[in-house]
C-alpha atoms as a PDB file:
ATOM      1  CA  MET A   1       9.230  72.065  15.121  1.00  0.00           C
ATOM      2  CA  LYS A   2      10.594  74.194  12.280  1.00  0.00           C
ATOM      3  CA  ASN A   3      12.699  71.293  11.047  1.00  0.00           C
ATOM      4  CA  ALA A   4       9.643  69.023  10.982  1.00  0.00           C
ATOM      5  CA  ILE A   5       7.712  71.562   8.895  1.00  0.00           C
ATOM      6  CA  LYS A   6      10.667  71.944   6.490  1.00  0.00           C
ATOM      7  CA  ILE A   7      10.964  68.171   6.078  1.00  0.00           C
ATOM      8  CA  LEU A   8       7.215  67.792   5.536  1.00  0.00           C
ATOM      9  CA  GLY A   9       7.262  70.622   2.987  1.00  0.00           C
ATOM     10  CA  MET A  10      10.150  69.011   1.079  1.00  0.00           C
ATOM     11  CA  LEU A  11       8.402  65.633   1.069  1.00  0.00           C
ATOM     12  CA  LEU A  12       5.219  67.199  -0.317  1.00  0.00           C
ATOM     13  CA  LEU A  13       7.222  69.038  -2.991  1.00  0.00           C
ATOM     14  CA  VAL A  14       8.958  65.827  -4.050  1.00  0.00           C
ATOM     15  CA  PHE A  15       5.659  63.925  -4.061  1.00  0.00           C
ATOM     16  CA  PHE A  16       3.894  66.453  -6.293  1.00  0.00           C
ATOM     17  CA  THR A  17       6.874  66.700  -8.646  1.00  0.00           C
ATOM     18  CA  VAL A  18       7.105  62.930  -9.101  1.00  0.00           C
ATOM     19  CA  THR A  19       3.333  62.597  -9.500  1.00  0.00           C
ATOM     20  CA  SER A  20       3.100  65.318 -12.140  1.00  0.00           C
ATOM     21  CA  LEU A  21       6.045  63.998 -14.172  1.00  0.00           C
ATOM     22  CA  SER A  22       5.005  60.346 -14.120  1.00  0.00           C
ATOM     23  CA  SER A  23       1.340  60.893 -14.933  1.00  0.00           C
ATOM     24  CA  CYS A  24       1.811  62.593 -18.298  1.00  0.00           C
ATOM     25  CA  SER A  25       3.096  59.845 -20.584  1.00  0.00           C
ATOM     26  CA  ASP A  26       0.431  57.225 -19.836  1.00  0.00           C
ATOM     27  CA  ASP A  27      -2.319  59.678 -20.764  1.00  0.00           C
ATOM     28  CA  ASP A  28      -1.032  60.050 -24.325  1.00  0.00           C
ATOM     29  CA  ASP A  29      -3.330  58.522 -26.886  1.00  0.00           C
ATOM     30  CA  PRO A  30      -1.594  57.185 -30.008  1.00  0.00           C
ATOM     31  CA  THR A  31      -4.647  57.898 -32.177  1.00  0.00           C
ATOM     32  CA  ASN A  32      -4.981  61.652 -31.757  1.00  0.00           C
ATOM     33  CA  ASN A  33      -1.434  62.943 -31.241  1.00  0.00           C
ATOM     34  CA  ASP A  34       0.703  64.350 -34.045  1.00  0.00           C
ATOM     35  CA  PHE A  35       3.672  62.848 -32.233  1.00  0.00           C
ATOM     36  CA  PHE A  36       3.462  59.777 -30.052  1.00  0.00           C
ATOM     37  CA  ALA A  37       6.111  57.844 -28.141  1.00  0.00           C
ATOM     38  CA  GLY A  38       5.354  55.296 -25.459  1.00  0.00           C
ATOM     39  CA  THR A  39       6.731  52.156 -23.863  1.00  0.00           C
ATOM     40  CA  TYR A  40       4.576  49.061 -23.512  1.00  0.00           C
ATOM     41  CA  ARG A  41       5.740  46.256 -21.193  1.00  0.00           C
ATOM     42  CA  GLY A  42       4.826  42.580 -21.126  1.00  0.00           C
ATOM     43  CA  SER A  43       5.486  39.355 -23.003  1.00  0.00           C
ATOM     44  CA  ILE A  44       7.305  39.587 -26.335  1.00  0.00           C
ATOM     45  CA  SER A  45       8.808  37.022 -28.669  1.00  0.00           C
ATOM     46  CA  TYR A  46      10.628  36.637 -31.971  1.00  0.00           C
ATOM     47  CA  ASN A  47      11.392  33.635 -34.144  1.00  0.00           C
ATOM     48  CA  ASP A  48      13.351  33.901 -37.390  1.00  0.00           C
ATOM     49  CA  GLY A  49      12.345  30.432 -38.578  1.00  0.00           C
ATOM     50  CA  GLY A  50      15.853  29.160 -37.902  1.00  0.00           C
ATOM     51  CA  SER A  51      18.158  29.236 -34.915  1.00  0.00           C
ATOM     52  CA  THR A  52      16.919  32.475 -33.302  1.00  0.00           C
ATOM     53  CA  ASN A  53      14.048  32.091 -30.863  1.00  0.00           C
ATOM     54  CA  ILE A  54      13.682  34.863 -28.245  1.00  0.00           C
ATOM     55  CA  SER A  55      10.859  34.938 -25.717  1.00  0.00           C
ATOM     56  CA  THR A  56      10.382  36.819 -22.434  1.00  0.00           C
ATOM     57  CA  ASP A  57       7.557  37.843 -20.126  1.00  0.00           C
ATOM     58  CA  ASN A  58       9.477  40.960 -19.014  1.00  0.00           C
ATOM     59  CA  GLY A  59      10.111  42.645 -22.342  1.00  0.00           C
ATOM     60  CA  SER A  60       9.232  46.051 -23.682  1.00  0.00           C
ATOM     61  CA  VAL A  61       8.283  47.685 -26.962  1.00  0.00           C
ATOM     62  CA  PHE A  62       8.984  51.379 -27.545  1.00  0.00           C
ATOM     63  CA  VAL A  63       6.393  52.719 -30.003  1.00  0.00           C
ATOM     64  CA  THR A  64       6.878  55.943 -31.985  1.00  0.00           C
ATOM     65  CA  LYS A  65       4.680  57.639 -34.525  1.00  0.00           C
ATOM     66  CA  ILE A  66       6.775  58.842 -37.451  1.00  0.00           C
ATOM     67  CA  ALA A  67       6.387  62.000 -39.512  1.00  0.00           C
ATOM     68  CA  SER A  68       3.913  60.567 -42.018  1.00  0.00           C
ATOM     69  CA  GLY A  69       1.199  60.565 -39.356  1.00  0.00           C
ATOM     70  CA  THR A  70      -0.044  57.052 -40.165  1.00  0.00           C
ATOM     71  CA  LYS A  71       3.130  54.998 -39.782  1.00  0.00           C
ATOM     72  CA  TYR A  72       4.655  53.683 -36.571  1.00  0.00           C
ATOM     73  CA  ASN A  73       7.961  52.126 -35.499  1.00  0.00           C
ATOM     74  CA  PHE A  74       8.257  49.362 -32.884  1.00  0.00           C
ATOM     75  CA  ALA A  75      11.599  48.987 -31.068  1.00  0.00           C
ATOM     76  CA  PHE A  76      11.753  45.735 -29.092  1.00  0.00           C
ATOM     77  CA  SER A  77      13.962  44.930 -26.108  1.00  0.00           C
ATOM     78  CA  ASN A  78      15.991  41.714 -25.729  1.00  0.00           C
ATOM     79  CA  SER A  79      17.785  42.039 -29.099  1.00  0.00           C
ATOM     80  CA  ILE A  80      14.574  41.468 -31.066  1.00  0.00           C
ATOM     81  CA  PRO A  81      14.713  43.197 -34.473  1.00  0.00           C
ATOM     82  CA  ASP A  82      12.581  46.325 -34.817  1.00  0.00           C
ATOM     83  CA  LEU A  83       9.479  46.680 -36.975  1.00  0.00           C
ATOM     84  CA  ASN A  84       9.548  50.014 -38.810  1.00  0.00           C
ATOM     85  CA  GLY A  85       7.184  51.936 -41.052  1.00  0.00           C
ATOM     86  CA  ILE A  86       4.042  49.941 -40.242  1.00  0.00           C
ATOM     87  CA  GLU A  87       0.959  51.774 -41.508  1.00  0.00           C
ATOM     88  CA  PHE A  88      -2.167  52.086 -39.338  1.00  0.00           C
ATOM     89  CA  GLU A  89      -5.758  53.220 -39.587  1.00  0.00           C
ATOM     90  CA  GLN A  90      -7.988  54.384 -36.771  1.00  0.00           C
ATOM     91  CA  GLN A  91     -10.717  51.987 -35.651  1.00  0.00           C
ATOM     92  CA  GLY A  92     -13.152  53.425 -33.140  1.00  0.00           C
ATOM     93  CA  ASP A  93     -12.302  56.357 -30.893  1.00  0.00           C
ATOM     94  CA  HIS A  94      -8.951  55.310 -29.423  1.00  0.00           C
ATOM     95  CA  THR A  95      -7.697  52.249 -31.301  1.00  0.00           C
ATOM     96  CA  LEU A  96      -5.280  51.846 -34.195  1.00  0.00           C
ATOM     97  CA  VAL A  97      -5.163  48.688 -36.309  1.00  0.00           C
ATOM     98  CA  MET A  98      -2.493  47.842 -38.850  1.00  0.00           C
ATOM     99  CA  VAL A  99      -3.538  48.406 -42.471  1.00  0.00           C
ATOM    100  CA  GLY A 100      -3.923  45.014 -44.149  1.00  0.00           C
ATOM    101  CA  SER A 101      -4.411  43.056 -40.920  1.00  0.00           C
ATOM    102  CA  ASN A 102      -5.155  39.372 -41.469  1.00  0.00           C
ATOM    103  CA  ALA A 103      -4.677  36.016 -39.759  1.00  0.00           C
ATOM    104  CA  THR A 104      -0.868  36.104 -40.115  1.00  0.00           C
ATOM    105  CA  SER A 105      -0.225  39.786 -39.445  1.00  0.00           C
ATOM    106  CA  TYR A 106      -2.061  41.804 -36.850  1.00  0.00           C
ATOM    107  CA  ILE A 107      -1.014  44.810 -34.765  1.00  0.00           C
ATOM    108  CA  ARG A 108      -3.477  46.656 -32.524  1.00  0.00           C
ATOM    109  CA  ILE A 109      -2.522  49.594 -30.339  1.00  0.00           C
ATOM    110  CA  ASP A 110      -4.396  51.887 -27.991  1.00  0.00           C
ATOM    111  CA  ASN A 111      -3.619  54.022 -24.965  1.00  0.00           C
ATOM    112  CA  ASN A 112      -3.228  51.044 -22.617  1.00  0.00           C
ATOM    113  CA  GLU A 113      -2.522  47.954 -24.718  1.00  0.00           C
ATOM    114  CA  LEU A 114      -0.345  46.662 -27.556  1.00  0.00           C
ATOM    115  CA  LYS A 115      -1.074  43.354 -29.317  1.00  0.00           C
ATOM    116  CA  ILE A 116       1.228  42.086 -32.062  1.00  0.00           C
ATOM    117  CA  PHE A 117       1.215  38.948 -34.156  1.00  0.00           C
ATOM    118  CA  PHE A 118       3.281  39.838 -37.212  1.00  0.00           C
ATOM    119  CA  ALA A 119       4.729  37.339 -39.678  1.00  0.00           C
ATOM    120  CA  LYS A 120       6.882  38.296 -42.662  1.00  0.00           C
ATOM    121  CA  ASP A 121       9.495  36.402 -44.692  1.00  0.00           C
ATOM    122  CA  GLY A 122       9.386  33.424 -42.314  1.00  0.00           C
ATOM    123  CA  LYS A 123       9.959  35.620 -39.240  1.00  0.00           C
ATOM    124  CA  THR A 124       7.401  36.094 -36.471  1.00  0.00           C
ATOM    125  CA  TRP A 125       7.085  38.868 -33.868  1.00  0.00           C
ATOM    126  CA  THR A 126       4.562  38.745 -31.012  1.00  0.00           C
ATOM    127  CA  ALA A 127       3.731  41.080 -28.159  1.00  0.00           C
ATOM    128  CA  ASN A 128       1.087  41.194 -25.463  1.00  0.00           C
ATOM    129  CA  CYS A 129       1.921  44.361 -23.545  1.00  0.00           C
ATOM    130  CA  THR A 130       0.346  47.096 -21.446  1.00  0.00           C
ATOM    131  CA  ARG A 131       1.307  50.619 -20.457  1.00  0.00           C
END
């Protein structure tokens, strides 16, 4: 009986430890943190207008807020080049939209979702990801 109680106690300890560690990062809101880092997963693609065309439904984008407070970096998986130093402005309570968004360049980020359609110098990045 003592062994059963010890095993149950260990299982509960492990459960609470895993739950507390895994629940923190998804609650971060990129709009109101001085520092933000989060991974968004979903479909991503890149086309350089030439021979490079990368597309996957199981990609990821690691987003970090840099020291300026309004600029963000986007590190893509699958050998897709990063987007760095993109400036954002807050729109609503929990949404950031890229400064200068238009039909050919649009990045929107919030706590749960990342949408990218960014074209520059003949290269195009896209992302439709969630966290």
